[in-house]
């Protein structure tokens, strides 16, 4: 199996929070539609302060996505902002960081999907955990496709 590696990259805290919020919205878009609509219905159809408050919270709930994405990524920021190189070799995908104390590896069976976005490639693990690699870190679109095949994903 061919060794696949990226150039050295790092992700800023802002990018990490933005990309996580975007992925969260893409995965759970039915909730972002149904909860505010239900809130509007509750707010319009029911009387009483409790119902009005509940309806208003449901209407405003999608606004909390940026705050939630910042909170969810707060532990990963330390690792993601370091200069990193992704290496896919054999049964594992390695993320080599500088300093080396933050290195980590992922078995290819843990990878659920690899999706290409405009600015980044998202490696989706089970339980909705995401790893982001900037698109520019790969040599070419063919390298991304080779990575997908190397981790056992076929189109």
N, C-alpha and C. Protein backbone atom coordinates (compact mmCIF):
# COMPACT_ATOMS: atom_id res chain seq x y z
N UNK A 1 0.84 -1.18 0.00
CA UNK A 1 0.00 0.00 0.00
C UNK A 1 0.88 1.25 0.00
N UNK A 2 0.51 2.21 -0.80
CA UNK A 2 1.29 3.43 -0.95
C UNK A 2 1.20 4.31 0.29
N UNK A 3 2.32 4.90 0.64
CA UNK A 3 2.37 5.85 1.76
C UNK A 3 1.83 7.19 1.28
N UNK A 4 0.91 7.76 2.03
CA UNK A 4 0.31 9.05 1.68
C UNK A 4 0.61 10.01 2.82
N UNK A 5 1.12 11.17 2.46
CA UNK A 5 1.38 12.17 3.50
C UNK A 5 1.08 13.56 2.97
N UNK A 6 0.78 14.42 3.91
CA UNK A 6 0.47 15.80 3.57
C UNK A 6 1.68 16.67 3.87
N UNK A 7 1.62 17.90 3.42
CA UNK A 7 2.62 18.87 3.85
C UNK A 7 2.28 19.28 5.29
N UNK A 8 3.18 19.99 5.91
CA UNK A 8 2.95 20.42 7.30
C UNK A 8 1.88 21.52 7.29
N UNK A 9 0.93 21.38 8.19
CA UNK A 9 -0.17 22.34 8.28
C UNK A 9 -0.50 22.59 9.74
N UNK A 10 -1.24 23.65 9.98
CA UNK A 10 -1.83 23.91 11.29
C UNK A 10 -3.17 24.59 11.07
N UNK A 11 -4.03 24.45 12.04
CA UNK A 11 -5.38 24.99 11.97
C UNK A 11 -5.53 26.00 13.10
N UNK A 12 -6.06 27.16 12.79
CA UNK A 12 -6.25 28.16 13.84
C UNK A 12 -7.49 27.81 14.67
N UNK A 13 -7.57 28.40 15.82
CA UNK A 13 -8.72 28.17 16.71
C UNK A 13 -10.03 28.60 16.04
N UNK A 14 -9.97 29.72 15.34
CA UNK A 14 -11.16 30.22 14.65
C UNK A 14 -11.61 29.27 13.55
N UNK A 15 -10.64 28.78 12.76
CA UNK A 15 -10.98 27.81 11.70
C UNK A 15 -11.59 26.55 12.30
N UNK A 16 -11.01 26.06 13.37
CA UNK A 16 -11.49 24.84 14.00
C UNK A 16 -12.94 25.01 14.48
N UNK A 17 -13.23 26.10 15.13
CA UNK A 17 -14.60 26.35 15.60
C UNK A 17 -15.56 26.55 14.43
N UNK A 18 -15.13 27.28 13.42
CA UNK A 18 -15.98 27.52 12.25
C UNK A 18 -16.29 26.22 11.52
N UNK A 19 -15.26 25.42 11.26
CA UNK A 19 -15.45 24.16 10.54
C UNK A 19 -16.32 23.20 11.34
N UNK A 20 -16.13 23.16 12.66
CA UNK A 20 -16.94 22.28 13.50
C UNK A 20 -18.40 22.72 13.49
N UNK A 21 -18.65 24.01 13.61
CA UNK A 21 -20.02 24.52 13.53
C UNK A 21 -20.66 24.20 12.19
N UNK A 22 -19.90 24.33 11.13
CA UNK A 22 -20.41 24.04 9.79
C UNK A 22 -20.75 22.55 9.65
N UNK A 23 -19.88 21.68 10.13
CA UNK A 23 -20.14 20.23 10.05
C UNK A 23 -21.34 19.86 10.92
N UNK A 24 -21.43 20.47 12.07
CA UNK A 24 -22.55 20.23 12.98
C UNK A 24 -23.87 20.62 12.30
N UNK A 25 -23.87 21.77 11.64
CA UNK A 25 -25.08 22.23 10.95
C UNK A 25 -25.42 21.33 9.76
N UNK A 26 -24.41 20.87 9.04
CA UNK A 26 -24.65 19.97 7.91
C UNK A 26 -25.22 18.64 8.35
N UNK A 27 -24.77 18.13 9.49
CA UNK A 27 -25.22 16.81 9.95
C UNK A 27 -26.63 16.87 10.55
N UNK A 28 -26.92 17.94 11.26
CA UNK A 28 -28.17 18.00 12.02
C UNK A 28 -29.12 19.07 11.50
N UNK A 29 -29.11 19.35 10.21
CA UNK A 29 -29.94 20.40 9.65
C UNK A 29 -31.43 20.19 9.90
N UNK A 30 -31.96 18.95 9.99
CA UNK A 30 -33.40 18.84 10.27
C UNK A 30 -33.79 19.46 11.62
N UNK A 31 -32.88 19.37 12.60
CA UNK A 31 -33.16 19.97 13.89
C UNK A 31 -33.14 21.50 13.82
N UNK A 32 -32.27 22.04 12.97
CA UNK A 32 -32.17 23.49 12.84
C UNK A 32 -33.38 24.08 12.14
N UNK A 33 -34.13 23.25 11.47
CA UNK A 33 -35.37 23.70 10.85
C UNK A 33 -36.56 23.43 11.76
N UNK A 34 -36.64 22.21 12.28
CA UNK A 34 -37.84 21.81 13.02
C UNK A 34 -37.96 22.47 14.39
N UNK A 35 -36.88 22.65 15.10
CA UNK A 35 -36.97 23.23 16.44
C UNK A 35 -37.43 24.69 16.39
N UNK A 36 -36.85 25.56 15.55
CA UNK A 36 -37.37 26.93 15.48
C UNK A 36 -38.81 27.01 14.97
N UNK A 37 -39.17 26.15 14.03
CA UNK A 37 -40.56 26.16 13.53
C UNK A 37 -41.52 25.77 14.66
N UNK A 38 -41.14 24.75 15.42
CA UNK A 38 -41.95 24.36 16.57
C UNK A 38 -42.04 25.50 17.58
N UNK A 39 -40.92 26.20 17.79
CA UNK A 39 -40.91 27.36 18.69
C UNK A 39 -41.85 28.46 18.22
N UNK A 40 -41.87 28.70 16.92
CA UNK A 40 -42.77 29.72 16.37
C UNK A 40 -44.22 29.31 16.60
N UNK A 41 -44.52 28.02 16.37
CA UNK A 41 -45.89 27.54 16.60
C UNK A 41 -46.30 27.65 18.07
N UNK A 42 -45.40 27.26 18.98
CA UNK A 42 -45.70 27.37 20.41
C UNK A 42 -45.90 28.83 20.79
N UNK A 43 -45.02 29.69 20.31
CA UNK A 43 -45.10 31.11 20.62
C UNK A 43 -46.41 31.72 20.11
N UNK A 44 -46.86 31.29 18.94
CA UNK A 44 -48.05 31.87 18.33
C UNK A 44 -49.36 31.27 18.84
N UNK A 45 -49.34 29.99 19.19
CA UNK A 45 -50.60 29.30 19.49
C UNK A 45 -50.94 29.20 20.98
N UNK A 46 -49.96 29.29 21.85
CA UNK A 46 -50.22 29.09 23.27
C UNK A 46 -50.11 30.40 24.04
N UNK A 47 -50.88 30.49 25.11
CA UNK A 47 -50.86 31.66 25.98
C UNK A 47 -50.05 31.32 27.23
N UNK A 48 -49.55 32.30 27.87
CA UNK A 48 -48.82 32.11 29.12
C UNK A 48 -47.33 32.36 28.94
N UNK A 49 -46.73 32.85 30.01
CA UNK A 49 -45.31 33.20 29.96
C UNK A 49 -44.40 31.99 29.76
N UNK A 50 -44.78 30.86 30.35
CA UNK A 50 -43.95 29.66 30.20
C UNK A 50 -43.87 29.23 28.74
N UNK A 51 -44.99 29.22 28.05
CA UNK A 51 -45.01 28.85 26.64
C UNK A 51 -44.29 29.89 25.78
N UNK A 52 -44.48 31.14 26.09
CA UNK A 52 -43.79 32.20 25.34
C UNK A 52 -42.28 32.08 25.50
N UNK A 53 -41.83 31.82 26.73
CA UNK A 53 -40.40 31.65 26.99
C UNK A 53 -39.84 30.42 26.28
N UNK A 54 -40.57 29.31 26.35
CA UNK A 54 -40.14 28.09 25.68
C UNK A 54 -40.08 28.30 24.17
N UNK A 55 -41.09 28.93 23.61
CA UNK A 55 -41.10 29.22 22.18
C UNK A 55 -39.95 30.11 21.76
N UNK A 56 -39.66 31.12 22.56
CA UNK A 56 -38.57 32.03 22.25
C UNK A 56 -37.22 31.31 22.31
N UNK A 57 -37.03 30.44 23.31
CA UNK A 57 -35.79 29.66 23.41
C UNK A 57 -35.61 28.76 22.19
N UNK A 58 -36.69 28.15 21.73
CA UNK A 58 -36.62 27.27 20.57
C UNK A 58 -36.34 28.05 19.29
N UNK A 59 -36.88 29.25 19.19
CA UNK A 59 -36.63 30.09 18.02
C UNK A 59 -35.16 30.52 17.98
N UNK A 60 -34.61 30.87 19.12
CA UNK A 60 -33.24 31.38 19.19
C UNK A 60 -32.17 30.29 19.31
N UNK A 61 -32.58 29.04 19.46
CA UNK A 61 -31.64 27.94 19.68
C UNK A 61 -30.54 27.84 18.62
N UNK A 62 -30.79 27.99 17.32
CA UNK A 62 -29.71 27.88 16.33
C UNK A 62 -28.60 28.92 16.49
N UNK A 63 -28.90 30.03 17.14
CA UNK A 63 -27.90 31.07 17.35
C UNK A 63 -26.77 30.57 18.26
N UNK A 64 -27.04 29.55 19.05
CA UNK A 64 -26.03 29.04 19.97
C UNK A 64 -25.00 28.12 19.31
N UNK A 65 -25.11 27.86 18.02
CA UNK A 65 -24.17 26.97 17.35
C UNK A 65 -22.72 27.45 17.46
N UNK A 66 -22.41 28.71 17.20
CA UNK A 66 -21.01 29.14 17.34
C UNK A 66 -20.46 28.93 18.75
N UNK A 67 -21.25 29.23 19.76
CA UNK A 67 -20.78 29.03 21.13
C UNK A 67 -20.55 27.55 21.42
N UNK A 68 -21.46 26.70 20.95
CA UNK A 68 -21.29 25.27 21.18
C UNK A 68 -20.08 24.71 20.44
N UNK A 69 -19.81 25.20 19.24
CA UNK A 69 -18.65 24.71 18.51
C UNK A 69 -17.35 25.15 19.17
N UNK A 70 -17.33 26.33 19.77
CA UNK A 70 -16.15 26.76 20.52
C UNK A 70 -15.95 25.88 21.74
N UNK A 71 -17.03 25.58 22.46
CA UNK A 71 -16.91 24.72 23.64
C UNK A 71 -16.49 23.30 23.28
N UNK A 72 -17.04 22.76 22.22
CA UNK A 72 -16.73 21.38 21.82
C UNK A 72 -15.27 21.25 21.39
N UNK A 73 -14.72 22.28 20.76
CA UNK A 73 -13.35 22.20 20.26
C UNK A 73 -12.30 22.70 21.24
N UNK A 74 -12.70 23.12 22.43
CA UNK A 74 -11.74 23.71 23.36
C UNK A 74 -10.63 22.74 23.77
N UNK A 75 -10.91 21.45 23.86
CA UNK A 75 -9.88 20.47 24.21
C UNK A 75 -8.97 20.17 23.02
N UNK A 76 -9.51 20.21 21.81
CA UNK A 76 -8.74 19.86 20.62
C UNK A 76 -7.87 21.00 20.11
N UNK A 77 -8.10 22.20 20.59
CA UNK A 77 -7.38 23.37 20.09
C UNK A 77 -5.88 23.24 20.29
N UNK A 78 -5.47 22.75 21.43
CA UNK A 78 -4.04 22.65 21.73
C UNK A 78 -3.33 21.77 20.71
N UNK A 79 -3.97 20.67 20.33
CA UNK A 79 -3.37 19.76 19.37
C UNK A 79 -3.49 20.27 17.94
N UNK A 80 -4.63 20.85 17.60
CA UNK A 80 -4.88 21.26 16.21
C UNK A 80 -4.05 22.46 15.77
N UNK A 81 -3.69 23.32 16.70
CA UNK A 81 -2.94 24.52 16.33
C UNK A 81 -1.45 24.26 16.16
N UNK A 82 -0.99 23.08 16.52
CA UNK A 82 0.43 22.75 16.35
C UNK A 82 0.72 22.41 14.90
N UNK A 83 1.96 22.66 14.44
CA UNK A 83 2.32 22.20 13.09
C UNK A 83 2.21 20.67 13.03
N UNK A 84 1.45 20.18 12.06
CA UNK A 84 1.11 18.76 11.98
C UNK A 84 1.32 18.25 10.57
N UNK A 85 1.67 16.98 10.49
CA UNK A 85 1.78 16.30 9.20
C UNK A 85 1.00 15.00 9.31
N UNK A 86 0.08 14.76 8.38
CA UNK A 86 -0.69 13.52 8.37
C UNK A 86 0.03 12.51 7.48
N UNK A 87 0.20 11.30 8.01
CA UNK A 87 0.83 10.22 7.27
C UNK A 87 -0.08 9.00 7.35
N UNK A 88 -0.47 8.48 6.20
CA UNK A 88 -1.29 7.27 6.13
C UNK A 88 -0.40 6.15 5.63
N UNK A 89 -0.21 5.16 6.50
CA UNK A 89 0.68 4.06 6.16
C UNK A 89 0.19 2.79 6.86
N UNK A 90 -0.02 1.74 6.09
CA UNK A 90 -0.47 0.48 6.67
C UNK A 90 -1.88 0.58 7.21
N UNK A 91 -2.07 0.14 8.44
CA UNK A 91 -3.38 0.10 9.08
C UNK A 91 -3.71 1.36 9.86
N UNK A 92 -2.78 2.32 9.91
CA UNK A 92 -2.99 3.50 10.75
C UNK A 92 -2.82 4.79 9.96
N UNK A 93 -3.44 5.83 10.48
CA UNK A 93 -3.23 7.20 10.02
C UNK A 93 -2.55 7.92 11.19
N UNK A 94 -1.37 8.44 10.93
CA UNK A 94 -0.58 9.10 11.96
C UNK A 94 -0.66 10.61 11.78
N UNK A 95 -0.74 11.30 12.90
CA UNK A 95 -0.68 12.75 12.91
C UNK A 95 0.55 13.13 13.71
N UNK A 96 1.59 13.53 13.01
CA UNK A 96 2.89 13.82 13.61
C UNK A 96 2.94 15.32 13.88
N UNK A 97 3.09 15.67 15.15
CA UNK A 97 3.07 17.07 15.55
C UNK A 97 4.44 17.52 16.03
N UNK A 98 4.59 18.81 16.14
CA UNK A 98 5.80 19.39 16.70
C UNK A 98 5.37 20.32 17.83
N UNK A 99 5.61 20.03 19.09
CA UNK A 99 6.46 18.99 19.64
C UNK A 99 5.85 17.59 19.52
N UNK A 100 6.71 16.60 19.57
CA UNK A 100 6.30 15.22 19.34
C UNK A 100 5.40 14.65 20.44
N UNK A 101 5.30 15.31 21.57
CA UNK A 101 4.48 14.79 22.67
C UNK A 101 2.98 14.79 22.35
N UNK A 102 2.56 15.46 21.27
CA UNK A 102 1.15 15.50 20.91
C UNK A 102 0.82 14.61 19.71
N UNK A 103 1.75 13.74 19.32
CA UNK A 103 1.49 12.81 18.23
C UNK A 103 0.31 11.92 18.57
N UNK A 104 -0.42 11.49 17.56
CA UNK A 104 -1.49 10.51 17.78
C UNK A 104 -1.72 9.73 16.50
N UNK A 105 -2.35 8.58 16.66
CA UNK A 105 -2.64 7.74 15.51
C UNK A 105 -4.06 7.23 15.60
N UNK A 106 -4.58 6.91 14.44
CA UNK A 106 -5.94 6.40 14.34
C UNK A 106 -5.90 5.16 13.47
N UNK A 107 -6.52 4.10 13.94
CA UNK A 107 -6.64 2.90 13.13
C UNK A 107 -7.65 3.18 12.02
N UNK A 108 -7.39 2.65 10.84
CA UNK A 108 -8.27 2.97 9.71
C UNK A 108 -9.69 2.48 9.88
N UNK A 109 -9.91 1.51 10.78
CA UNK A 109 -11.28 1.04 11.06
C UNK A 109 -12.09 2.07 11.84
N UNK A 110 -11.42 3.01 12.48
CA UNK A 110 -12.11 4.05 13.23
C UNK A 110 -12.65 5.15 12.32
N UNK A 111 -12.22 5.19 11.08
CA UNK A 111 -12.63 6.24 10.15
C UNK A 111 -13.93 5.85 9.48
N UNK A 112 -14.91 6.69 9.66
CA UNK A 112 -16.24 6.44 9.09
C UNK A 112 -16.36 6.98 7.67
N UNK A 113 -15.80 8.18 7.45
CA UNK A 113 -15.89 8.79 6.14
C UNK A 113 -14.83 9.88 6.01
N UNK A 114 -14.48 10.19 4.77
CA UNK A 114 -13.58 11.29 4.45
C UNK A 114 -14.30 12.14 3.41
N UNK A 115 -14.56 13.38 3.75
CA UNK A 115 -15.31 14.26 2.84
C UNK A 115 -14.47 15.49 2.51
N UNK A 116 -14.58 15.90 1.27
CA UNK A 116 -13.85 17.07 0.80
C UNK A 116 -14.78 18.27 0.83
N UNK A 117 -14.35 19.31 1.49
CA UNK A 117 -15.07 20.59 1.51
C UNK A 117 -14.24 21.60 0.72
N UNK A 118 -14.67 22.82 0.67
CA UNK A 118 -13.96 23.84 -0.11
C UNK A 118 -12.58 24.13 0.50
N UNK A 119 -12.52 24.34 1.80
CA UNK A 119 -11.27 24.73 2.45
C UNK A 119 -10.54 23.58 3.13
N UNK A 120 -11.20 22.49 3.38
CA UNK A 120 -10.62 21.44 4.19
C UNK A 120 -11.17 20.08 3.80
N UNK A 121 -10.48 19.06 4.32
CA UNK A 121 -10.93 17.68 4.20
C UNK A 121 -11.29 17.25 5.62
N UNK A 122 -12.49 16.74 5.80
CA UNK A 122 -12.92 16.31 7.13
C UNK A 122 -12.85 14.79 7.19
N UNK A 123 -12.15 14.31 8.21
CA UNK A 123 -12.07 12.88 8.49
C UNK A 123 -13.06 12.63 9.62
N UNK A 124 -14.14 11.93 9.29
CA UNK A 124 -15.19 11.68 10.28
C UNK A 124 -14.94 10.35 10.95
N UNK A 125 -14.84 10.39 12.27
CA UNK A 125 -14.70 9.18 13.06
C UNK A 125 -16.08 8.80 13.60
N UNK A 126 -16.18 7.66 14.21
CA UNK A 126 -17.45 7.26 14.80
C UNK A 126 -17.80 8.18 15.96
N UNK A 127 -19.05 8.24 16.32
CA UNK A 127 -19.59 9.12 17.37
C UNK A 127 -19.44 10.60 17.04
N UNK A 128 -19.49 10.93 15.77
CA UNK A 128 -19.46 12.32 15.31
C UNK A 128 -18.25 13.10 15.81
N UNK A 129 -17.11 12.47 15.75
CA UNK A 129 -15.85 13.15 16.03
C UNK A 129 -15.21 13.46 14.68
N UNK A 130 -14.62 14.64 14.57
CA UNK A 130 -14.07 15.08 13.30
C UNK A 130 -12.61 15.49 13.45
N UNK A 131 -11.84 15.22 12.41
CA UNK A 131 -10.49 15.72 12.27
C UNK A 131 -10.44 16.51 10.97
N UNK A 132 -9.76 17.63 10.99
CA UNK A 132 -9.72 18.50 9.81
C UNK A 132 -8.30 18.60 9.29
N UNK A 133 -8.20 18.50 7.97
CA UNK A 133 -6.92 18.69 7.29
C UNK A 133 -7.17 19.74 6.21
N UNK A 134 -6.42 20.83 6.22
CA UNK A 134 -6.63 21.84 5.18
C UNK A 134 -6.46 21.23 3.78
N UNK A 135 -7.28 21.65 2.88
CA UNK A 135 -7.27 21.13 1.50
C UNK A 135 -5.90 21.33 0.85
N UNK A 136 -5.27 22.45 1.13
CA UNK A 136 -3.97 22.77 0.53
C UNK A 136 -2.85 21.88 1.02
N UNK A 137 -3.06 21.16 2.12
CA UNK A 137 -2.01 20.28 2.64
C UNK A 137 -1.81 19.05 1.76
N UNK A 138 -2.81 18.68 1.00
CA UNK A 138 -2.67 17.56 0.07
C UNK A 138 -2.03 18.05 -1.23
N UNK A 139 -1.26 17.18 -1.87
CA UNK A 139 -0.58 17.55 -3.12
C UNK A 139 -1.58 17.85 -4.24
N UNK A 140 -2.65 17.04 -4.30
CA UNK A 140 -3.60 17.17 -5.40
C UNK A 140 -4.92 16.50 -4.99
N UNK A 141 -5.97 16.72 -5.77
CA UNK A 141 -7.23 16.01 -5.50
C UNK A 141 -7.07 14.49 -5.60
N UNK A 142 -6.15 14.04 -6.45
CA UNK A 142 -5.90 12.60 -6.57
C UNK A 142 -5.32 12.04 -5.27
N UNK A 143 -4.52 12.84 -4.57
CA UNK A 143 -3.95 12.40 -3.29
C UNK A 143 -5.07 12.19 -2.26
N UNK A 144 -6.08 13.02 -2.30
CA UNK A 144 -7.21 12.86 -1.39
C UNK A 144 -7.96 11.58 -1.72
N UNK A 145 -8.13 11.32 -3.01
CA UNK A 145 -8.81 10.09 -3.42
C UNK A 145 -7.99 8.87 -3.03
N UNK A 146 -6.68 8.93 -3.16
CA UNK A 146 -5.80 7.84 -2.72
C UNK A 146 -5.92 7.62 -1.22
N UNK A 147 -6.04 8.71 -0.47
CA UNK A 147 -6.22 8.61 0.98
C UNK A 147 -7.53 7.89 1.31
N UNK A 148 -8.61 8.25 0.60
CA UNK A 148 -9.90 7.58 0.81
C UNK A 148 -9.78 6.08 0.56
N UNK A 149 -9.11 5.71 -0.50
CA UNK A 149 -8.96 4.29 -0.83
C UNK A 149 -8.07 3.61 0.21
N UNK A 150 -7.02 4.29 0.66
CA UNK A 150 -6.11 3.70 1.64
C UNK A 150 -6.77 3.40 2.97
N UNK A 151 -7.77 4.19 3.35
CA UNK A 151 -8.46 3.94 4.62
C UNK A 151 -9.67 3.04 4.45
N UNK A 152 -9.87 2.54 3.23
CA UNK A 152 -10.93 1.55 3.00
C UNK A 152 -12.25 2.12 2.55
N UNK A 153 -12.26 3.36 2.08
CA UNK A 153 -13.50 3.97 1.59
C UNK A 153 -13.47 3.98 0.07
N UNK A 154 -14.52 3.46 -0.51
CA UNK A 154 -14.62 3.48 -1.97
C UNK A 154 -15.89 4.18 -2.36
N UNK A 155 -15.88 4.79 -3.50
CA UNK A 155 -17.06 5.53 -3.96
C UNK A 155 -18.07 4.63 -4.62
